[in-house]
Amino acid sequence: MITFYRILLISTSIIVLSACDYLPRSSQYNLTKAETQVLIDNLQPAEEAIVNLFDSHQIVALGDAHFYDEVMIFITQLVTTNTFTNKTKHLVVEFGNAKYQKLLDSYLSGGDVSKDEIKKIWRETLFFTAWTPNVYADFFHNIRIFNNGRTPDKQLKVTLAEAPFSWEDLSSKEEWQAIAKSKVNGFSSTIQKRVKNENALLIFGAFHVIKLTDSIKKQVTPEQWPLLTRVSTNRDTSAYTIWPVIQPALINKLNHHVPKNNKALIHLEGSPLAEHSFADLMPKARVKLGKLHARDATTKQLFDGMLYLGDIKRVMAFPKRVLQDKSWLKKMQSRVDMIGGRIKTKFDEILSTSTEHGFKQ
């Protein structure tokens, strides 16, 4: 009996320790004062630095962070400038179903497209809840305004990367899961078809822009590779990948040294931050990194640069225009009820928080 309980206690301890290894810890910044000064001295103004990347790279990939509005606001402001369009006019985005590519092309070129029609682009996607913040609709709207009065060869064009599909054809979570499982294949295929011998800016969720080093890449199958790992491997081209700085410890450190409202690009090549453990900066990433055999990876082993946008925070709430659209809320609820799992849980949490604490404007 004693032996049994001792074995049970030891086994339980092992399980608890293993589980704790995956529990989120606080974000840790581990550079010395001298290393921090080197980091600060080598920051570059974000807009200019990103535009200049196209002088040496065909593809630049900016990582988005869901419900951090400041990231998409920055991207929208960046691309709707003459300085940017002098280097590239092609954007490829995750937040749109390619079934509506022709509709988007018409809208961006000034065509007569209603607000209800244009919403289909981001609402009829696999992960429609991620694109509820106003910043995604505003992104397309501002590009339409920017293109107004420009000849077709001077206009921005946007490629929707998600493979075409119809929610009306789905009747079970298994059907949705099958499509979701192959989403990166769809992204990669779209880029291969639509991005030819031209520069392009890719805008995807930040984990899609991870570019694994060869040593890590060999430990997982190509089917497991993140999108930009595939793109940089399968194309004879140079790609530069950028992770948004959303880690509290790094934000707090940079806030003490960077003037307010300044935005900066951190080139990781040669930077003291290059050898910093990414999991220490962002503990919640450890599970996803574990699936890539990259839990111990440094920042430089995952991407090329980091984008600092100041003291940004995540606001998990639906905006006013979504909460007031009762038919859309009903449709979303029906979809997440069918999908279930984490998607439904998160949707219900956000909806509850949004209605309890009022609207995001």
Protein backbone atom coordinates (compact mmCIF):
# COMPACT_ATOMS: atom_id res chain seq x y z
CA MET A 1 0.00 0.00 0.00
CA ILE A 2 2.81 2.41 0.92
CA THR A 3 4.66 1.57 -2.27
CA PHE A 4 1.54 2.23 -4.32
CA TYR A 5 1.03 5.70 -2.78
CA ARG A 6 4.71 6.57 -3.20
CA ILE A 7 4.49 5.63 -6.88
CA LEU A 8 1.27 7.63 -7.23
CA LEU A 9 2.87 10.66 -5.57
CA ILE A 10 5.95 10.51 -7.78
CA SER A 11 3.86 10.07 -10.92
CA THR A 12 1.62 12.98 -9.97
CA SER A 13 4.66 15.17 -9.30
CA ILE A 14 6.08 14.40 -12.73
CA ILE A 15 2.77 15.27 -14.39
CA VAL A 16 2.51 18.54 -12.47
CA LEU A 17 6.08 19.52 -13.30
CA SER A 18 5.53 18.71 -16.96
CA ALA A 19 2.35 20.75 -17.06
CA CYS A 20 4.01 23.70 -15.30
CA ASP A 21 6.67 23.68 -17.97
CA TYR A 22 3.98 24.81 -20.42
CA LEU A 23 2.18 27.26 -18.17
CA PRO A 24 2.58 30.93 -19.15
CA ARG A 25 5.17 32.79 -17.13
CA SER A 26 5.79 36.50 -17.04
CA SER A 27 7.63 37.98 -19.99
CA GLN A 28 11.36 38.22 -19.27
CA TYR A 29 13.89 40.66 -20.76
CA ASN A 30 17.41 39.36 -20.17
CA LEU A 31 19.82 41.83 -21.80
CA THR A 32 22.38 43.76 -19.76
CA LYS A 33 22.46 47.55 -19.55
CA ALA A 34 25.32 47.68 -22.07
CA GLU A 35 23.52 45.32 -24.48
CA THR A 36 20.36 47.40 -24.15
CA GLN A 37 22.27 50.52 -25.13
CA VAL A 38 23.59 48.80 -28.25
CA LEU A 39 20.05 47.72 -29.07
CA ILE A 40 18.72 51.27 -28.70
CA ASP A 41 21.58 52.80 -30.69
CA ASN A 42 20.79 50.55 -33.66
CA LEU A 43 17.03 51.09 -33.86
CA GLN A 44 15.84 52.41 -37.23
CA PRO A 45 12.75 54.52 -38.01
CA ALA A 46 10.16 51.87 -38.87
CA GLU A 47 8.53 53.28 -42.00
CA GLU A 48 11.77 54.13 -43.79
CA ALA A 49 13.51 50.93 -42.72
CA ILE A 50 10.70 48.66 -43.92
CA VAL A 51 10.42 50.41 -47.29
CA ASN A 52 14.19 50.13 -47.77
CA LEU A 53 14.02 46.36 -47.21
CA PHE A 54 12.65 46.01 -50.74
CA ASP A 55 16.00 47.12 -52.12
CA SER A 56 17.42 43.74 -51.11
CA HIS A 57 14.36 41.51 -50.60
CA GLN A 58 11.54 40.58 -52.96
CA ILE A 59 9.22 39.66 -50.11
CA VAL A 60 8.74 41.41 -46.78
CA ALA A 61 6.36 39.75 -44.32
CA LEU A 62 4.80 41.78 -41.51
CA GLY A 63 3.31 39.83 -38.63
CA ASP A 64 -0.12 40.93 -37.46
CA ALA A 65 -1.29 40.50 -33.86
CA HIS A 66 -5.00 39.84 -33.41
CA PHE A 67 -6.86 42.51 -31.39
CA TYR A 68 -3.77 44.74 -31.22
CA ASP A 69 -5.28 47.45 -33.41
CA GLU A 70 -2.10 49.54 -33.53
CA VAL A 71 -0.38 46.94 -35.72
CA MET A 72 -2.88 47.15 -38.57
CA ILE A 73 -3.20 50.92 -38.18
CA PHE A 74 0.56 51.21 -38.70
CA ILE A 75 0.49 48.86 -41.70
CA THR A 76 -2.39 50.77 -43.31
CA GLN A 77 -0.60 54.08 -42.88
CA LEU A 78 2.63 52.59 -44.23
CA VAL A 79 1.22 51.15 -47.46
CA THR A 80 -0.88 54.19 -48.39
CA THR A 81 2.14 56.40 -49.09
CA ASN A 82 3.96 57.22 -52.31
CA THR A 83 7.23 56.19 -50.67
CA PHE A 84 5.90 52.67 -50.18
CA THR A 85 4.30 52.33 -53.62
CA ASN A 86 7.54 53.40 -55.26
CA LYS A 87 8.94 50.05 -54.07
CA THR A 88 5.91 47.76 -54.37
CA LYS A 89 2.20 47.90 -55.07
CA HIS A 90 1.30 44.30 -54.24
CA LEU A 91 -0.03 43.26 -50.84
CA VAL A 92 -0.97 39.71 -49.87
CA VAL A 93 -3.22 39.35 -46.82
CA GLU A 94 -4.50 36.51 -44.66
CA PHE A 95 -7.81 38.20 -43.82
CA GLY A 96 -9.79 37.50 -46.95
CA ASN A 97 -11.45 34.62 -48.79
CA ALA A 98 -10.11 34.38 -52.37
CA LYS A 99 -13.61 33.51 -53.49
CA TYR A 100 -14.18 37.27 -53.41
CA GLN A 101 -10.97 38.34 -55.18
CA LYS A 102 -12.78 39.87 -58.17
CA LEU A 103 -15.13 41.72 -55.83
CA LEU A 104 -12.15 43.19 -53.97
CA ASP A 105 -10.39 44.13 -57.22
CA SER A 106 -13.49 46.07 -58.27
CA TYR A 107 -13.82 47.75 -54.88
CA LEU A 108 -10.18 48.86 -54.69
CA SER A 109 -10.28 50.27 -58.21
CA GLY A 110 -13.33 52.40 -57.38
CA GLY A 111 -16.09 50.08 -58.54
CA ASP A 112 -19.68 50.29 -57.34
CA VAL A 113 -19.52 47.77 -54.48
CA SER A 114 -21.90 48.07 -51.51
CA LYS A 115 -20.79 47.92 -47.88
CA ASP A 116 -22.70 44.68 -47.39
CA GLU A 117 -20.94 43.07 -50.34
CA ILE A 118 -17.44 44.12 -49.33
CA LYS A 119 -17.89 42.71 -45.82
CA LYS A 120 -18.03 39.22 -47.30
CA ILE A 121 -14.27 39.40 -47.94
CA TRP A 122 -13.31 39.10 -44.27
CA ARG A 123 -16.57 37.75 -42.83
CA GLU A 124 -16.71 34.66 -45.04
CA THR A 125 -13.31 33.42 -43.85
CA LEU A 126 -12.29 30.44 -41.76
CA PHE A 127 -11.40 32.52 -38.70
CA PHE A 128 -13.91 35.34 -39.15
CA THR A 129 -13.85 36.32 -35.46
CA ALA A 130 -10.22 37.42 -35.76
CA TRP A 131 -11.15 40.03 -38.36
CA THR A 132 -14.00 41.69 -36.46
CA PRO A 133 -11.93 44.73 -35.33
CA ASN A 134 -12.56 47.82 -37.45
CA VAL A 135 -8.94 47.99 -38.58
CA TYR A 136 -9.41 45.30 -41.26
CA ALA A 137 -12.38 46.97 -42.92
CA ASP A 138 -10.54 50.28 -42.60
CA PHE A 139 -7.49 48.77 -44.31
CA PHE A 140 -9.45 48.02 -47.49
CA HIS A 141 -11.36 51.32 -47.30
CA ASN A 142 -8.19 53.39 -47.03
CA ILE A 143 -6.57 51.60 -49.94
CA ARG A 144 -9.67 52.33 -52.05
CA ILE A 145 -9.33 56.02 -51.15
CA PHE A 146 -5.59 55.95 -51.89
CA ASN A 147 -6.19 54.36 -55.31
CA ASN A 148 -8.82 56.93 -56.26
CA GLY A 149 -7.66 59.01 -59.22
CA ARG A 150 -4.59 56.89 -59.89
CA THR A 151 -4.07 55.00 -63.10
CA PRO A 152 -4.25 51.19 -62.74
CA ASP A 153 -0.46 50.82 -62.92
CA LYS A 154 -0.09 53.20 -59.94
CA GLN A 155 -2.76 51.58 -57.74
CA LEU A 156 -2.21 49.20 -54.86
CA LYS A 157 -3.49 45.68 -55.46
CA VAL A 158 -4.36 43.22 -52.71
CA THR A 159 -4.34 39.43 -53.00
CA LEU A 160 -6.60 37.46 -50.68
CA ALA A 161 -4.59 34.43 -49.59
CA GLU A 162 -7.20 32.13 -48.11
CA ALA A 163 -8.27 29.40 -50.52
CA PRO A 164 -11.85 29.83 -51.82
CA PHE A 165 -14.60 28.07 -49.89
CA SER A 166 -18.24 28.66 -48.89
CA TRP A 167 -19.69 28.52 -45.40
CA GLU A 168 -22.99 27.50 -46.98
CA ASP A 169 -21.36 24.22 -48.01
CA LEU A 170 -20.27 23.33 -44.45
CA SER A 171 -22.54 21.32 -42.18
CA SER A 172 -20.18 19.97 -39.50
CA LYS A 173 -17.12 20.88 -37.48
CA GLU A 174 -15.23 18.03 -39.18
CA GLU A 175 -15.69 19.71 -42.58
CA TRP A 176 -14.49 23.01 -41.16
CA GLN A 177 -11.51 21.34 -39.47
CA ALA A 178 -10.46 19.68 -42.72
CA ILE A 179 -10.34 23.06 -44.50
CA ALA A 180 -8.66 24.78 -41.54
CA LYS A 181 -6.00 22.07 -41.39
CA SER A 182 -4.94 22.83 -44.97
CA LYS A 183 -5.10 26.64 -44.70
CA VAL A 184 -1.32 27.15 -44.89
CA ASN A 185 -1.21 25.01 -48.03
CA GLY A 186 -3.80 27.38 -49.47
CA PHE A 187 -1.80 30.45 -48.49
CA SER A 188 1.36 29.03 -50.04
CA SER A 189 -0.42 28.06 -53.25
CA THR A 190 -1.97 31.50 -53.62
CA ILE A 191 1.39 33.24 -53.16
CA GLN A 192 2.99 30.92 -55.70
CA LYS A 193 0.31 31.75 -58.26
CA ARG A 194 -0.14 35.46 -57.63
CA VAL A 195 3.31 36.76 -56.68
CA LYS A 196 5.57 36.56 -59.69
CA ASN A 197 8.70 38.60 -60.42
CA GLU A 198 7.70 41.55 -58.28
CA ASN A 199 8.11 42.85 -54.78
CA ALA A 200 5.29 42.05 -52.37
CA LEU A 201 4.36 42.81 -48.78
CA LEU A 202 2.76 39.88 -46.95
CA ILE A 203 0.48 40.57 -43.96
CA PHE A 204 -0.30 37.47 -41.90
CA GLY A 205 -0.77 36.47 -38.28
CA ALA A 206 2.63 36.66 -36.63
CA PHE A 207 3.16 32.91 -36.24
CA HIS A 208 2.79 32.54 -40.00
CA VAL A 209 5.83 34.79 -40.59
CA ILE A 210 8.23 32.59 -38.62
CA LYS A 211 11.18 31.66 -40.81
CA LEU A 212 12.90 28.69 -39.21
CA THR A 213 16.64 28.22 -39.55
CA ASP A 214 17.82 25.13 -41.41
CA SER A 215 18.82 23.34 -38.20
CA ILE A 216 15.31 23.66 -36.75
CA LYS A 217 13.54 23.17 -40.05
CA LYS A 218 15.07 19.71 -40.48
CA GLN A 219 13.39 18.50 -37.28
CA VAL A 220 9.84 18.86 -38.63
CA THR A 221 8.16 17.84 -41.86
CA PRO A 222 7.59 20.42 -44.61
CA GLU A 223 3.86 20.10 -43.91
CA GLN A 224 4.52 21.54 -40.44
CA TRP A 225 6.58 24.50 -41.64
CA PRO A 226 5.13 27.97 -41.02
CA LEU A 227 4.12 29.89 -44.14
CA LEU A 228 7.23 32.05 -44.50
CA THR A 229 9.48 29.07 -43.90
CA ARG A 230 7.80 27.48 -46.91
CA VAL A 231 7.93 30.63 -49.01
CA SER A 232 11.61 31.27 -48.33
CA THR A 233 12.44 27.60 -49.00
CA ASN A 234 10.32 26.92 -52.07
CA ARG A 235 10.97 30.15 -53.96
CA ASP A 236 14.23 31.40 -55.37
CA THR A 237 13.78 34.70 -53.58
CA SER A 238 14.83 36.64 -50.53
CA ALA A 239 12.26 37.16 -47.77
CA TYR A 240 12.52 39.34 -44.66
CA THR A 241 10.17 38.51 -41.79
CA ILE A 242 9.06 40.88 -39.01
CA TRP A 243 7.48 40.04 -35.65
CA PRO A 244 5.45 42.77 -33.86
CA VAL A 245 6.73 43.68 -30.40
CA ILE A 246 3.80 42.73 -28.16
CA GLN A 247 5.86 41.22 -25.34
CA PRO A 248 5.40 43.33 -22.15
CA ALA A 249 8.99 43.02 -20.92
CA LEU A 250 10.45 44.23 -24.21
CA ILE A 251 7.83 46.97 -24.60
CA ASN A 252 8.53 48.25 -21.08
CA LYS A 253 12.28 48.33 -21.68
CA LEU A 254 11.98 50.14 -25.02
CA ASN A 255 9.45 52.60 -23.61
CA HIS A 256 12.14 53.90 -21.25
CA HIS A 257 14.52 54.66 -24.12
CA VAL A 258 12.44 55.48 -27.21
CA PRO A 259 10.61 58.83 -27.50
CA LYS A 260 6.84 58.51 -27.30
CA ASN A 261 5.07 57.88 -30.62
CA ASN A 262 8.32 56.79 -32.29
CA LYS A 263 8.13 53.50 -34.16
CA ALA A 264 11.22 51.45 -34.81
CA LEU A 265 12.49 48.38 -36.64
CA ILE A 266 14.96 46.14 -34.84
CA HIS A 267 17.23 44.34 -37.31
CA LEU A 268 18.12 41.14 -35.47
CA GLU A 269 21.25 40.42 -37.50
CA GLY A 270 24.09 41.52 -35.23
CA SER A 271 21.69 42.76 -32.54
CA PRO A 272 22.13 41.80 -28.86
CA LEU A 273 18.47 40.75 -29.00
CA ALA A 274 19.30 38.15 -31.65
CA GLU A 275 20.41 35.57 -29.07
CA HIS A 276 17.60 36.30 -26.63
CA SER A 277 15.30 33.35 -25.96
CA PHE A 278 12.01 34.07 -27.66
CA ALA A 279 10.13 31.88 -25.20
CA ASP A 280 11.43 34.05 -22.36
CA LEU A 281 10.08 37.13 -24.10
CA MET A 282 6.78 35.44 -24.93
CA PRO A 283 6.11 32.43 -22.69
CA LYS A 284 2.66 31.77 -24.19
CA ALA A 285 4.37 30.87 -27.46
CA ARG A 286 6.09 27.85 -25.94
CA VAL A 287 3.40 25.35 -26.87
CA LYS A 288 3.34 26.41 -30.53
CA LEU A 289 7.12 26.54 -30.63
CA GLY A 290 7.25 23.07 -29.10
CA LYS A 291 5.34 21.68 -32.07
CA LEU A 292 8.08 23.12 -34.29
CA HIS A 293 10.91 21.77 -32.10
CA ALA A 294 11.78 25.41 -31.48
CA ARG A 295 11.00 25.96 -27.80
CA ASP A 296 14.61 26.94 -27.15
CA ALA A 297 14.92 29.09 -30.26
CA THR A 298 16.35 32.58 -30.18
CA THR A 299 14.63 35.50 -31.87
CA LYS A 300 17.06 35.37 -34.80
CA GLN A 301 16.27 31.70 -35.37
CA LEU A 302 12.61 32.59 -35.97
CA PHE A 303 12.51 35.90 -37.85
CA ASP A 304 14.68 38.70 -39.21
CA GLY A 305 13.36 41.77 -37.43
CA MET A 306 10.98 43.07 -34.78
CA LEU A 307 8.62 46.02 -35.08
CA TYR A 308 8.24 48.31 -32.06
CA LEU A 309 5.10 50.45 -32.10
CA GLY A 310 5.12 51.79 -28.57
CA ASP A 311 3.01 50.83 -25.58
CA ILE A 312 0.39 48.79 -27.42
CA LYS A 313 -2.15 46.62 -25.66
CA ARG A 314 -4.56 43.88 -26.62
CA VAL A 315 -8.24 44.80 -26.38
CA MET A 316 -10.39 41.70 -26.67
CA ALA A 317 -13.74 43.26 -27.58
CA PHE A 318 -16.03 43.48 -30.57
CA PRO A 319 -16.49 46.98 -32.03
CA LYS A 320 -19.74 48.89 -32.01
CA ARG A 321 -20.48 48.22 -35.67
CA VAL A 322 -20.31 44.47 -35.04
CA LEU A 323 -22.41 44.48 -31.87
CA GLN A 324 -25.11 46.52 -33.57
CA ASP A 325 -25.32 44.08 -36.48
CA LYS A 326 -27.63 41.55 -34.88
CA SER A 327 -27.94 39.33 -37.95
CA TRP A 328 -24.15 39.02 -38.20
CA LEU A 329 -23.85 38.25 -34.49
CA LYS A 330 -26.47 35.53 -34.90
CA LYS A 331 -24.61 34.07 -37.87
CA MET A 332 -21.28 34.12 -36.02
CA GLN A 333 -22.85 32.43 -33.00
CA SER A 334 -24.30 29.71 -35.22
CA ARG A 335 -20.91 29.09 -36.80
CA VAL A 336 -18.94 28.92 -33.56
CA ASP A 337 -21.60 26.67 -32.02
CA MET A 338 -20.98 24.25 -34.88
CA ILE A 339 -17.18 24.50 -34.63
CA GLY A 340 -17.09 24.31 -30.84
CA GLY A 341 -13.89 24.05 -28.84
CA ARG A 342 -11.52 26.97 -28.32
CA ILE A 343 -13.09 29.03 -31.10
CA LYS A 344 -16.51 28.97 -29.44
CA THR A 345 -15.10 29.55 -25.95
CA LYS A 346 -13.13 32.59 -27.06
CA PHE A 347 -16.03 34.02 -29.06
CA ASP A 348 -18.40 33.69 -26.10
CA GLU A 349 -15.85 35.34 -23.82
CA ILE A 350 -15.31 38.29 -26.15
CA LEU A 351 -19.03 38.75 -26.72
CA SER A 352 -19.71 38.71 -23.00
CA THR A 353 -16.93 41.19 -22.27
CA SER A 354 -18.03 43.48 -25.11
CA THR A 355 -21.65 43.66 -24.01
CA GLU A 356 -20.79 44.08 -20.33
CA HIS A 357 -18.30 46.90 -20.77
CA GLY A 358 -19.77 48.75 -23.73
CA PHE A 359 -18.62 49.19 -27.31
CA LYS A 360 -15.22 49.65 -28.85
CA GLN A 361 -15.61 52.61 -31.16
